[in-house]
C-alpha atoms as a PDB file:
ATOM      1  CA  MET A   1      10.960 -30.959 -12.337  1.00  0.00           C
ATOM      2  CA  GLY A   2       7.424 -31.328 -13.624  1.00  0.00           C
ATOM      3  CA  MET A   3       5.945 -29.736 -16.713  1.00  0.00           C
ATOM      4  CA  ALA A   4       3.928 -27.210 -14.655  1.00  0.00           C
ATOM      5  CA  GLN A   5       7.019 -26.124 -12.725  1.00  0.00           C
ATOM      6  CA  LYS A   6       8.940 -25.614 -15.966  1.00  0.00           C
ATOM      7  CA  ALA A   7       6.112 -23.494 -17.363  1.00  0.00           C
ATOM      8  CA  VAL A   8       6.011 -21.344 -14.225  1.00  0.00           C
ATOM      9  CA  ARG A   9       9.790 -20.912 -14.290  1.00  0.00           C
ATOM     10  CA  TYR A  10       9.677 -19.951 -17.983  1.00  0.00           C
ATOM     11  CA  GLY A  11       6.978 -17.359 -17.235  1.00  0.00           C
ATOM     12  CA  GLN A  12       9.000 -15.904 -14.375  1.00  0.00           C
ATOM     13  CA  ILE A  13      12.093 -15.538 -16.552  1.00  0.00           C
ATOM     14  CA  ARG A  14      10.118 -13.834 -19.349  1.00  0.00           C
ATOM     15  CA  ALA A  15       8.403 -11.474 -16.899  1.00  0.00           C
ATOM     16  CA  GLY A  16      11.764 -10.619 -15.306  1.00  0.00           C
ATOM     17  CA  ARG A  17      13.299  -9.773 -18.675  1.00  0.00           C
ATOM     18  CA  ARG A  18      10.352  -7.606 -19.653  1.00  0.00           C
ATOM     19  CA  LEU A  19      10.497  -5.762 -16.308  1.00  0.00           C
ATOM     20  CA  ALA A  20      14.260  -5.243 -16.630  1.00  0.00           C
ATOM     21  CA  ARG A  21      13.773  -3.649 -20.061  1.00  0.00           C
ATOM     22  CA  SER A  22      11.149  -1.231 -18.738  1.00  0.00           C
ATOM     23  CA  VAL A  23      13.174   0.047 -15.753  1.00  0.00           C
ATOM     24  CA  PRO A  24      15.253   2.615 -17.715  1.00  0.00           C
ATOM     25  CA  PHE A  25      12.092   4.146 -19.164  1.00  0.00           C
ATOM     26  CA  VAL A  26      10.449   4.431 -15.744  1.00  0.00           C
ATOM     27  CA  GLY A  27      13.587   6.054 -14.322  1.00  0.00           C
ATOM     28  CA  GLY A  28      13.677   8.467 -17.235  1.00  0.00           C
ATOM     29  CA  LEU A  29      10.064   9.482 -16.653  1.00  0.00           C
ATOM     30  CA  ILE A  30      10.746  10.108 -12.962  1.00  0.00           C
ATOM     31  CA  ALA A  31      13.827  12.198 -13.812  1.00  0.00           C
ATOM     32  CA  LEU A  32      11.840  14.200 -16.370  1.00  0.00           C
ATOM     33  CA  ALA A  33       9.109  14.880 -13.809  1.00  0.00           C
ATOM     34  CA  ALA A  34      11.755  15.996 -11.289  1.00  0.00           C
ATOM     35  CA  VAL A  35      13.293  18.415 -13.787  1.00  0.00           C
ATOM     36  CA  VAL A  36       9.921  19.905 -14.707  1.00  0.00           C
ATOM     37  CA  SER A  37       8.959  20.330 -11.052  1.00  0.00           C
ATOM     38  CA  ALA A  38      12.298  21.896 -10.095  1.00  0.00           C
ATOM     39  CA  VAL A  39      12.227  24.315 -13.040  1.00  0.00           C
ATOM     40  CA  ARG A  40       8.727  25.459 -12.101  1.00  0.00           C
ATOM     41  CA  ARG A  41       9.787  26.102  -8.500  1.00  0.00           C
ATOM     42  CA  LYS A  42      13.305  27.452  -8.974  1.00  0.00           C
ATOM     43  CA  GLY A  43      13.343  28.871 -12.499  1.00  0.00           C
ATOM     44  CA  LEU A  44      15.129  27.521 -15.564  1.00  0.00           C
ATOM     45  CA  PHE A  45      18.719  27.994 -14.383  1.00  0.00           C
ATOM     46  CA  GLY A  46      18.203  27.103 -10.715  1.00  0.00           C
ATOM     47  CA  GLY A  47      15.997  24.092 -11.425  1.00  0.00           C
ATOM     48  CA  THR A  48      18.410  22.701 -13.989  1.00  0.00           C
ATOM     49  CA  ILE A  49      21.425  23.123 -11.694  1.00  0.00           C
ATOM     50  CA  ASP A  50      19.559  21.632  -8.715  1.00  0.00           C
ATOM     51  CA  THR A  51      18.480  18.577 -10.707  1.00  0.00           C
ATOM     52  CA  ALA A  52      21.946  18.129 -12.226  1.00  0.00           C
ATOM     53  CA  LEU A  53      23.565  18.185  -8.778  1.00  0.00           C
ATOM     54  CA  ASN A  54      21.026  15.664  -7.476  1.00  0.00           C
ATOM     55  CA  ALA A  55      21.771  13.359 -10.426  1.00  0.00           C
ATOM     56  CA  ILE A  56      25.487  13.092  -9.593  1.00  0.00           C
ATOM     57  CA  PRO A  57      25.776  10.044  -7.290  1.00  0.00           C
ATOM     58  CA  PHE A  58      27.764  11.211  -4.256  1.00  0.00           C
ATOM     59  CA  VAL A  59      27.401  14.946  -4.792  1.00  0.00           C
ATOM     60  CA  GLY A  60      23.601  14.730  -4.824  1.00  0.00           C
ATOM     61  CA  GLY A  61      23.535  12.704  -1.623  1.00  0.00           C
ATOM     62  CA  ALA A  62      25.895  15.084   0.157  1.00  0.00           C
ATOM     63  CA  LYS A  63      23.860  18.085  -1.048  1.00  0.00           C
ATOM     64  CA  ASN A  64      20.627  16.577   0.237  1.00  0.00           C
ATOM     65  CA  VAL A  65      22.145  15.726   3.627  1.00  0.00           C
ATOM     66  CA  ALA A  66      23.559  19.239   3.951  1.00  0.00           C
ATOM     67  CA  GLU A  67      20.162  20.745   3.053  1.00  0.00           C
ATOM     68  CA  VAL A  68      18.435  18.639   5.697  1.00  0.00           C
ATOM     69  CA  VAL A  69      20.974  19.657   8.349  1.00  0.00           C
ATOM     70  CA  ARG A  70      20.835  23.290   7.254  1.00  0.00           C
ATOM     71  CA  GLY A  71      17.047  23.281   7.074  1.00  0.00           C
ATOM     72  CA  ARG A  72      16.693  24.970   3.677  1.00  0.00           C
ATOM     73  CA  ASP A  73      17.685  24.570   0.037  1.00  0.00           C
ATOM     74  CA  PHE A  74      20.984  25.846  -1.340  1.00  0.00           C
ATOM     75  CA  ILE A  75      19.192  26.986  -4.481  1.00  0.00           C
ATOM     76  CA  ARG A  76      16.167  28.943  -3.336  1.00  0.00           C
ATOM     77  CA  ASP A  77      12.759  28.810  -4.920  1.00  0.00           C
ATOM     78  CA  ARG A  78      12.002  31.858  -6.976  1.00  0.00           C
ATOM     79  CA  THR A  79       9.679  34.388  -5.447  1.00  0.00           C
ATOM     80  CA  PRO A  80       6.145  34.126  -6.796  1.00  0.00           C
ATOM     81  CA  THR A  81       5.077  37.089  -8.836  1.00  0.00           C
ATOM     82  CA  ASP A  82       1.593  38.400  -8.369  1.00  0.00           C
ATOM     83  CA  PRO A  83      -0.404  38.833 -11.538  1.00  0.00           C
ATOM     84  CA  PRO A  84      -1.106  42.477 -12.362  1.00  0.00           C
ATOM     85  CA  ALA A  85      -4.360  43.761 -10.942  1.00  0.00           C
ATOM     86  CA  ASP A  86      -7.032  44.738 -13.432  1.00  0.00           C
ATOM     87  CA  VAL A  87      -7.557  48.465 -13.430  1.00  0.00           C
END
């Protein structure tokens, strides 16, 4: 193995370690965005429950499959409230 090949291999190992350390943070950001989006659509209680169910490995998958087959969410979006008209 030549010197250039060793340098490339060393760089690949370092990049792989750095990427592996960043994965939990990226997953956490995606989960946080999902919670915020669900709470905005479904309200505090409904959004939290919906996200918690989706986070459980087999339960979340079964819930999503059932929602696709059913054609609608189990936890409905809250009804939008119209802002009061200026009088």
